[in-house]
Amino acid sequence: MRDEYDFTDSQRGAIVKSNKERITIRLDPDIIEWFRGRVRGGGNYQTLINEALREHIERQSGADLETTLRRVLREELTAANP
């Protein structure tokens, strides 16, 4: 070990680079246990919850597009065949 160290350009706190935002969320214990029970190979349940939420959002977005497309087609067909 050295007698002195230069910390001129250092920063306090843990060095964690992430594109995720830390939040506090309250979930029912059975929901948490369900996700924890599915963790395999060093993963974590929070990642599984994030993936489930993302999948849900993508399905919802697809349904909205389909609903909009169906509505527009109905309107156009009705206008073309009075």
PDB file of N, CA and C in Angstrom:
ATOM      1  N   MET A   1       0.836  -1.184   0.000  1.00  0.00           N
ATOM      2  CA  MET A   1       0.000   0.000   0.000  1.00  0.00           C
ATOM      3  C   MET A   1       0.877   1.243   0.000  1.00  0.00           C
ATOM      4  N   ARG A   2       0.333   2.263  -0.644  1.00  0.00           N
ATOM      5  CA  ARG A   2       1.060   3.531  -0.673  1.00  0.00           C
ATOM      6  C   ARG A   2       0.763   4.329   0.589  1.00  0.00           C
ATOM      7  N   ASP A   3       1.628   5.252   0.875  1.00  0.00           N
ATOM      8  CA  ASP A   3       1.406   6.128   2.022  1.00  0.00           C
ATOM      9  C   ASP A   3       0.330   7.158   1.721  1.00  0.00           C
ATOM     10  N   GLU A   4       0.225   7.583   0.444  1.00  0.00           N
ATOM     11  CA  GLU A   4      -0.754   8.594   0.054  1.00  0.00           C
ATOM     12  C   GLU A   4      -1.446   8.186  -1.243  1.00  0.00           C
ATOM     13  N   TYR A   5      -2.693   8.596  -1.382  1.00  0.00           N
ATOM     14  CA  TYR A   5      -3.475   8.364  -2.595  1.00  0.00           C
ATOM     15  C   TYR A   5      -4.037   9.693  -3.065  1.00  0.00           C
ATOM     16  N   ASP A   6      -4.151   9.852  -4.375  1.00  0.00           N
ATOM     17  CA  ASP A   6      -4.677  11.090  -4.947  1.00  0.00           C
ATOM     18  C   ASP A   6      -6.149  10.888  -5.315  1.00  0.00           C
ATOM     19  N   PHE A   7      -7.036  11.535  -4.605  1.00  0.00           N
ATOM     20  CA  PHE A   7      -8.475  11.439  -4.845  1.00  0.00           C
ATOM     21  C   PHE A   7      -9.029  12.729  -5.451  1.00  0.00           C
ATOM     22  N   THR A   8      -8.211  13.476  -6.167  1.00  0.00           N
ATOM     23  CA  THR A   8      -8.592  14.774  -6.712  1.00  0.00           C
ATOM     24  C   THR A   8      -9.814  14.681  -7.631  1.00  0.00           C
ATOM     25  N   ASP A   9      -9.836  13.711  -8.538  1.00  0.00           N
ATOM     26  CA  ASP A   9     -10.928  13.595  -9.513  1.00  0.00           C
ATOM     27  C   ASP A   9     -11.978  12.555  -9.117  1.00  0.00           C
ATOM     28  N   SER A  10     -11.967  12.122  -7.899  1.00  0.00           N
ATOM     29  CA  SER A  10     -12.910  11.068  -7.483  1.00  0.00           C
ATOM     30  C   SER A  10     -14.255  11.674  -7.068  1.00  0.00           C
ATOM     31  N   GLN A  11     -15.263  10.807  -7.028  1.00  0.00           N
ATOM     32  CA  GLN A  11     -16.611  11.203  -6.618  1.00  0.00           C
ATOM     33  C   GLN A  11     -17.044  10.320  -5.470  1.00  0.00           C
ATOM     34  N   ARG A  12     -17.922  10.884  -4.637  1.00  0.00           N
ATOM     35  CA  ARG A  12     -18.432  10.120  -3.502  1.00  0.00           C
ATOM     36  C   ARG A  12     -19.551   9.201  -3.945  1.00  0.00           C
ATOM     37  N   GLY A  13     -19.734   8.139  -3.212  1.00  0.00           N
ATOM     38  CA  GLY A  13     -20.842   7.237  -3.464  1.00  0.00           C
ATOM     39  C   GLY A  13     -20.466   6.092  -4.386  1.00  0.00           C
ATOM     40  N   ALA A  14     -21.382   5.161  -4.488  1.00  0.00           N
ATOM     41  CA  ALA A  14     -21.155   3.999  -5.334  1.00  0.00           C
ATOM     42  C   ALA A  14     -21.171   4.411  -6.801  1.00  0.00           C
ATOM     43  N   ILE A  15     -20.370   3.735  -7.584  1.00  0.00           N
ATOM     44  CA  ILE A  15     -20.332   4.002  -9.018  1.00  0.00           C
ATOM     45  C   ILE A  15     -21.246   2.993  -9.687  1.00  0.00           C
ATOM     46  N   VAL A  16     -22.425   3.459 -10.029  1.00  0.00           N
ATOM     47  CA  VAL A  16     -23.407   2.605 -10.678  1.00  0.00           C
ATOM     48  C   VAL A  16     -23.925   3.340 -11.897  1.00  0.00           C
ATOM     49  N   LYS A  17     -23.680   2.777 -13.057  1.00  0.00           N
ATOM     50  CA  LYS A  17     -24.186   3.377 -14.282  1.00  0.00           C
ATOM     51  C   LYS A  17     -25.365   2.528 -14.729  1.00  0.00           C
ATOM     52  N   SER A  18     -26.517   3.164 -14.827  1.00  0.00           N
ATOM     53  CA  SER A  18     -27.714   2.443 -15.204  1.00  0.00           C
ATOM     54  C   SER A  18     -28.658   3.374 -15.938  1.00  0.00           C
ATOM     55  N   ASN A  19     -29.410   2.810 -16.845  1.00  0.00           N
ATOM     56  CA  ASN A  19     -30.416   3.597 -17.528  1.00  0.00           C
ATOM     57  C   ASN A  19     -31.786   3.384 -16.887  1.00  0.00           C
ATOM     58  N   LYS A  20     -31.773   2.802 -15.712  1.00  0.00           N
ATOM     59  CA  LYS A  20     -33.015   2.536 -14.994  1.00  0.00           C
ATOM     60  C   LYS A  20     -33.194   3.557 -13.877  1.00  0.00           C
ATOM     61  N   GLU A  21     -34.439   3.762 -13.516  1.00  0.00           N
ATOM     62  CA  GLU A  21     -34.768   4.715 -12.464  1.00  0.00           C
ATOM     63  C   GLU A  21     -35.187   3.958 -11.215  1.00  0.00           C
ATOM     64  N   ARG A  22     -34.647   4.366 -10.097  1.00  0.00           N
ATOM     65  CA  ARG A  22     -34.991   3.738  -8.819  1.00  0.00           C
ATOM     66  C   ARG A  22     -36.296   4.336  -8.316  1.00  0.00           C
ATOM     67  N   ILE A  23     -37.256   3.472  -7.997  1.00  0.00           N
ATOM     68  CA  ILE A  23     -38.538   3.912  -7.450  1.00  0.00           C
ATOM     69  C   ILE A  23     -38.904   3.021  -6.271  1.00  0.00           C
ATOM     70  N   THR A  24     -39.909   3.436  -5.543  1.00  0.00           N
ATOM     71  CA  THR A  24     -40.479   2.600  -4.501  1.00  0.00           C
ATOM     72  C   THR A  24     -41.859   2.203  -4.971  1.00  0.00           C
ATOM     73  N   ILE A  25     -42.148   0.912  -4.929  1.00  0.00           N
ATOM     74  CA  ILE A  25     -43.445   0.411  -5.366  1.00  0.00           C
ATOM     75  C   ILE A  25     -43.914  -0.631  -4.360  1.00  0.00           C
ATOM     76  N   ARG A  26     -45.182  -0.630  -4.090  1.00  0.00           N
ATOM     77  CA  ARG A  26     -45.739  -1.600  -3.150  1.00  0.00           C
ATOM     78  C   ARG A  26     -46.478  -2.669  -3.929  1.00  0.00           C
ATOM     79  N   LEU A  27     -46.046  -3.915  -3.756  1.00  0.00           N
ATOM     80  CA  LEU A  27     -46.663  -5.048  -4.422  1.00  0.00           C
ATOM     81  C   LEU A  27     -47.127  -6.046  -3.371  1.00  0.00           C
ATOM     82  N   ASP A  28     -48.151  -6.798  -3.697  1.00  0.00           N
ATOM     83  CA  ASP A  28     -48.625  -7.836  -2.788  1.00  0.00           C
ATOM     84  C   ASP A  28     -47.550  -8.906  -2.630  1.00  0.00           C
ATOM     85  N   PRO A  29     -47.436  -9.464  -1.427  1.00  0.00           N
ATOM     86  CA  PRO A  29     -46.395 -10.469  -1.175  1.00  0.00           C
ATOM     87  C   PRO A  29     -46.473 -11.671  -2.115  1.00  0.00           C
ATOM     88  N   ASP A  30     -47.675 -12.095  -2.476  1.00  0.00           N
ATOM     89  CA  ASP A  30     -47.790 -13.258  -3.360  1.00  0.00           C
ATOM     90  C   ASP A  30     -47.267 -12.954  -4.765  1.00  0.00           C
ATOM     91  N   ILE A  31     -47.396 -11.718  -5.200  1.00  0.00           N
ATOM     92  CA  ILE A  31     -46.866 -11.324  -6.509  1.00  0.00           C
ATOM     93  C   ILE A  31     -45.340 -11.390  -6.483  1.00  0.00           C
ATOM     94  N   ILE A  32     -44.747 -10.847  -5.443  1.00  0.00           N
ATOM     95  CA  ILE A  32     -43.284 -10.859  -5.316  1.00  0.00           C
ATOM     96  C   ILE A  32     -42.771 -12.292  -5.248  1.00  0.00           C
ATOM     97  N   GLU A  33     -43.429 -13.129  -4.463  1.00  0.00           N
ATOM     98  CA  GLU A  33     -43.003 -14.527  -4.336  1.00  0.00           C
ATOM     99  C   GLU A  33     -43.113 -15.258  -5.669  1.00  0.00           C
ATOM    100  N   TRP A  34     -44.168 -14.944  -6.448  1.00  0.00           N
ATOM    101  CA  TRP A  34     -44.338 -15.585  -7.745  1.00  0.00           C
ATOM    102  C   TRP A  34     -43.145 -15.274  -8.650  1.00  0.00           C
ATOM    103  N   PHE A  35     -42.732 -14.012  -8.693  1.00  0.00           N
ATOM    104  CA  PHE A  35     -41.588 -13.632  -9.521  1.00  0.00           C
ATOM    105  C   PHE A  35     -40.284 -14.194  -8.951  1.00  0.00           C
ATOM    106  N   ARG A  36     -40.124 -14.152  -7.639  1.00  0.00           N
ATOM    107  CA  ARG A  36     -38.896 -14.700  -7.029  1.00  0.00           C
ATOM    108  C   ARG A  36     -38.765 -16.194  -7.312  1.00  0.00           C
ATOM    109  N   GLY A  37     -39.899 -16.877  -7.357  1.00  0.00           N
ATOM    110  CA  GLY A  37     -39.882 -18.318  -7.625  1.00  0.00           C
ATOM    111  C   GLY A  37     -39.468 -18.661  -9.045  1.00  0.00           C
ATOM    112  N   ARG A  38     -39.451 -17.698  -9.927  1.00  0.00           N
ATOM    113  CA  ARG A  38     -39.109 -17.937 -11.327  1.00  0.00           C
ATOM    114  C   ARG A  38     -37.710 -17.473 -11.704  1.00  0.00           C
ATOM    115  N   VAL A  39     -36.953 -16.984 -10.746  1.00  0.00           N
ATOM    116  CA  VAL A  39     -35.589 -16.520 -11.013  1.00  0.00           C
ATOM    117  C   VAL A  39     -34.701 -17.732 -11.255  1.00  0.00           C
ATOM    118  N   ARG A  40     -33.968 -17.678 -12.353  1.00  0.00           N
ATOM    119  CA  ARG A  40     -33.071 -18.779 -12.706  1.00  0.00           C
ATOM    120  C   ARG A  40     -31.699 -18.223 -13.063  1.00  0.00           C
ATOM    121  N   GLY A  41     -30.667 -18.934 -12.713  1.00  0.00           N
ATOM    122  CA  GLY A  41     -29.315 -18.638 -13.170  1.00  0.00           C
ATOM    123  C   GLY A  41     -28.772 -17.255 -12.853  1.00  0.00           C
ATOM    124  N   GLY A  42     -28.964 -16.779 -11.650  1.00  0.00           N
ATOM    125  CA  GLY A  42     -28.353 -15.525 -11.247  1.00  0.00           C
ATOM    126  C   GLY A  42     -29.144 -14.277 -11.598  1.00  0.00           C
ATOM    127  N   GLY A  43     -30.322 -14.429 -12.200  1.00  0.00           N
ATOM    128  CA  GLY A  43     -31.148 -13.268 -12.492  1.00  0.00           C
ATOM    129  C   GLY A  43     -31.794 -12.742 -11.222  1.00  0.00           C
ATOM    130  N   ASN A  44     -32.636 -11.738 -11.366  1.00  0.00           N
ATOM    131  CA  ASN A  44     -33.358 -11.288 -10.187  1.00  0.00           C
ATOM    132  C   ASN A  44     -34.817 -11.017 -10.522  1.00  0.00           C
ATOM    133  N   TYR A  45     -35.646 -11.041  -9.521  1.00  0.00           N
ATOM    134  CA  TYR A  45     -37.082 -10.918  -9.724  1.00  0.00           C
ATOM    135  C   TYR A  45     -37.480  -9.543 -10.240  1.00  0.00           C
ATOM    136  N   GLN A  46     -36.707  -8.516  -9.937  1.00  0.00           N
ATOM    137  CA  GLN A  46     -37.032  -7.179 -10.420  1.00  0.00           C
ATOM    138  C   GLN A  46     -36.921  -7.109 -11.942  1.00  0.00           C
ATOM    139  N   THR A  47     -35.943  -7.802 -12.500  1.00  0.00           N
ATOM    140  CA  THR A  47     -35.804  -7.856 -13.950  1.00  0.00           C
ATOM    141  C   THR A  47     -37.007  -8.557 -14.562  1.00  0.00           C
ATOM    142  N   LEU A  48     -37.470  -9.621 -13.927  1.00  0.00           N
ATOM    143  CA  LEU A  48     -38.643 -10.339 -14.432  1.00  0.00           C
ATOM    144  C   LEU A  48     -39.886  -9.453 -14.391  1.00  0.00           C
ATOM    145  N   ILE A  49     -40.048  -8.683 -13.326  1.00  0.00           N
ATOM    146  CA  ILE A  49     -41.192  -7.765 -13.226  1.00  0.00           C
ATOM    147  C   ILE A  49     -41.098  -6.718 -14.337  1.00  0.00           C
ATOM    148  N   ASN A  50     -39.906  -6.184 -14.569  1.00  0.00           N
ATOM    149  CA  ASN A  50     -39.706  -5.192 -15.622  1.00  0.00           C
ATOM    150  C   ASN A  50     -40.064  -5.784 -16.991  1.00  0.00           C
ATOM    151  N   GLU A  51     -39.624  -7.019 -17.264  1.00  0.00           N
ATOM    152  CA  GLU A  51     -39.927  -7.665 -18.532  1.00  0.00           C
ATOM    153  C   GLU A  51     -41.426  -7.909 -18.686  1.00  0.00           C
ATOM    154  N   ALA A  52     -42.095  -8.304 -17.611  1.00  0.00           N
ATOM    155  CA  ALA A  52     -43.543  -8.536 -17.665  1.00  0.00           C
ATOM    156  C   ALA A  52     -44.288  -7.240 -17.947  1.00  0.00           C
ATOM    157  N   LEU A  53     -43.874  -6.160 -17.319  1.00  0.00           N
ATOM    158  CA  LEU A  53     -44.507  -4.861 -17.571  1.00  0.00           C
ATOM    159  C   LEU A  53     -44.276  -4.397 -19.008  1.00  0.00           C
ATOM    160  N   ARG A  54     -43.069  -4.585 -19.509  1.00  0.00           N
ATOM    161  CA  ARG A  54     -42.756  -4.187 -20.879  1.00  0.00           C
ATOM    162  C   ARG A  54     -43.588  -4.992 -21.875  1.00  0.00           C
ATOM    163  N   GLU A  55     -43.712  -6.287 -21.638  1.00  0.00           N
ATOM    164  CA  GLU A  55     -44.511  -7.147 -22.506  1.00  0.00           C
ATOM    165  C   GLU A  55     -45.976  -6.708 -22.505  1.00  0.00           C
ATOM    166  N   HIS A  56     -46.487  -6.370 -21.342  1.00  0.00           N
ATOM    167  CA  HIS A  56     -47.869  -5.899 -21.234  1.00  0.00           C
ATOM    168  C   HIS A  56     -48.063  -4.603 -22.032  1.00  0.00           C
ATOM    169  N   ILE A  57     -47.137  -3.674 -21.892  1.00  0.00           N
ATOM    170  CA  ILE A  57     -47.222  -2.396 -22.606  1.00  0.00           C
ATOM    171  C   ILE A  57     -47.198  -2.633 -24.113  1.00  0.00           C
ATOM    172  N   GLU A  58     -46.316  -3.513 -24.575  1.00  0.00           N
ATOM    173  CA  GLU A  58     -46.228  -3.790 -26.006  1.00  0.00           C
ATOM    174  C   GLU A  58     -47.517  -4.409 -26.530  1.00  0.00           C
ATOM    175  N   ARG A  59     -48.128  -5.305 -25.751  1.00  0.00           N
ATOM    176  CA  ARG A  59     -49.403  -5.905 -26.161  1.00  0.00           C
ATOM    177  C   ARG A  59     -50.501  -4.855 -26.211  1.00  0.00           C
ATOM    178  N   GLN A  60     -50.517  -3.944 -25.245  1.00  0.00           N
ATOM    179  CA  GLN A  60     -51.519  -2.885 -25.224  1.00  0.00           C
ATOM    180  C   GLN A  60     -51.352  -1.953 -26.418  1.00  0.00           C
ATOM    181  N   SER A  61     -50.131  -1.610 -26.747  1.00  0.00           N
ATOM    182  CA  SER A  61     -49.870  -0.727 -27.883  1.00  0.00           C
ATOM    183  C   SER A  61     -50.331  -1.376 -29.173  1.00  0.00           C
ATOM    184  N   GLY A  62     -50.079  -2.663 -29.323  1.00  0.00           N
ATOM    185  CA  GLY A  62     -50.518  -3.388 -30.505  1.00  0.00           C
ATOM    186  C   GLY A  62     -52.024  -3.425 -30.611  1.00  0.00           C
ATOM    187  N   ALA A  63     -52.713  -3.599 -29.480  1.00  0.00           N
ATOM    188  CA  ALA A  63     -54.178  -3.636 -29.480  1.00  0.00           C
ATOM    189  C   ALA A  63     -54.727  -2.274 -29.871  1.00  0.00           C
ATOM    190  N   ASP A  64     -54.123  -1.211 -29.407  1.00  0.00           N
ATOM    191  CA  ASP A  64     -54.579   0.129 -29.754  1.00  0.00           C
ATOM    192  C   ASP A  64     -54.432   0.384 -31.247  1.00  0.00           C
ATOM    193  N   LEU A  65     -53.327  -0.052 -31.825  1.00  0.00           N
ATOM    194  CA  LEU A  65     -53.119   0.119 -33.259  1.00  0.00           C
ATOM    195  C   LEU A  65     -54.161  -0.664 -34.042  1.00  0.00           C
ATOM    196  N   GLU A  66     -54.407  -1.889 -33.628  1.00  0.00           N
ATOM    197  CA  GLU A  66     -55.398  -2.714 -34.316  1.00  0.00           C
ATOM    198  C   GLU A  66     -56.791  -2.102 -34.208  1.00  0.00           C
ATOM    199  N   THR A  67     -57.157  -1.639 -33.039  1.00  0.00           N
ATOM    200  CA  THR A  67     -58.465  -1.007 -32.838  1.00  0.00           C
ATOM    201  C   THR A  67     -58.607   0.229 -33.717  1.00  0.00           C
ATOM    202  N   THR A  68     -57.573   1.042 -33.762  1.00  0.00           N
ATOM    203  CA  THR A  68     -57.604   2.254 -34.588  1.00  0.00           C
ATOM    204  C   THR A  68     -57.715   1.897 -36.066  1.00  0.00           C
ATOM    205  N   LEU A  69     -56.943   0.928 -36.504  1.00  0.00           N
ATOM    206  CA  LEU A  69     -56.981   0.513 -37.900  1.00  0.00           C
ATOM    207  C   LEU A  69     -58.361  -0.011 -38.281  1.00  0.00           C
ATOM    208  N   ARG A  70     -58.948  -0.825 -37.439  1.00  0.00           N
ATOM    209  CA  ARG A  70     -60.296  -1.344 -37.707  1.00  0.00           C
ATOM    210  C   ARG A  70     -61.325  -0.211 -37.796  1.00  0.00           C
ATOM    211  N   ARG A  71     -61.227   0.751 -36.905  1.00  0.00           N
ATOM    212  CA  ARG A  71     -62.167   1.872 -36.909  1.00  0.00           C
ATOM    213  C   ARG A  71     -62.041   2.687 -38.193  1.00  0.00           C
ATOM    214  N   VAL A  72     -60.799   2.983 -38.588  1.00  0.00           N
ATOM    215  CA  VAL A  72     -60.571   3.765 -39.801  1.00  0.00           C
ATOM    216  C   VAL A  72     -61.079   3.012 -41.022  1.00  0.00           C
ATOM    217  N   LEU A  73     -60.814   1.730 -41.109  1.00  0.00           N
ATOM    218  CA  LEU A  73     -61.299   0.943 -42.245  1.00  0.00           C
ATOM    219  C   LEU A  73     -62.826   0.931 -42.314  1.00  0.00           C
ATOM    220  N   ARG A  74     -63.476   0.762 -41.159  1.00  0.00           N
ATOM    221  CA  ARG A  74     -64.948   0.788 -41.123  1.00  0.00           C
ATOM    222  C   ARG A  74     -65.477   2.127 -41.613  1.00  0.00           C
ATOM    223  N   GLU A  75     -64.857   3.201 -41.132  1.00  0.00           N
ATOM    224  CA  GLU A  75     -65.288   4.538 -41.548  1.00  0.00           C
ATOM    225  C   GLU A  75     -65.113   4.753 -43.047  1.00  0.00           C
ATOM    226  N   GLU A  76     -63.979   4.311 -43.577  1.00  0.00           N
ATOM    227  CA  GLU A  76     -63.718   4.482 -45.006  1.00  0.00           C
ATOM    228  C   GLU A  76     -64.657   3.631 -45.848  1.00  0.00           C
ATOM    229  N   LEU A  77     -64.918   2.413 -45.422  1.00  0.00           N
ATOM    230  CA  LEU A  77     -65.826   1.532 -46.167  1.00  0.00           C
ATOM    231  C   LEU A  77     -67.248   2.093 -46.139  1.00  0.00           C
ATOM    232  N   THR A  78     -67.639   2.635 -44.998  1.00  0.00           N
ATOM    233  CA  THR A  78     -68.977   3.238 -44.895  1.00  0.00           C
ATOM    234  C   THR A  78     -69.075   4.457 -45.793  1.00  0.00           C
ATOM    235  N   ALA A  79     -68.059   5.279 -45.842  1.00  0.00           N
ATOM    236  CA  ALA A  79     -68.061   6.480 -46.690  1.00  0.00           C
ATOM    237  C   ALA A  79     -68.052   6.104 -48.178  1.00  0.00           C
ATOM    238  N   ALA A  80     -67.385   5.011 -48.530  1.00  0.00           N
ATOM    239  CA  ALA A  80     -67.297   4.593 -49.934  1.00  0.00           C
ATOM    240  C   ALA A  80     -68.581   3.937 -50.406  1.00  0.00           C
ATOM    241  N   ASN A  81     -69.344   3.335 -49.509  1.00  0.00           N
ATOM    242  CA  ASN A  81     -70.596   2.634 -49.856  1.00  0.00           C
ATOM    243  C   ASN A  81     -71.758   3.219 -49.084  1.00  0.00           C
ATOM    244  N   PRO A  82     -72.246   4.397 -49.487  1.00  0.00           N
ATOM    245  CA  PRO A  82     -73.329   5.048 -48.706  1.00  0.00           C
ATOM    246  C   PRO A  82     -74.656   4.342 -48.803  1.00  0.00           C
TER     247      PRO A  82
END
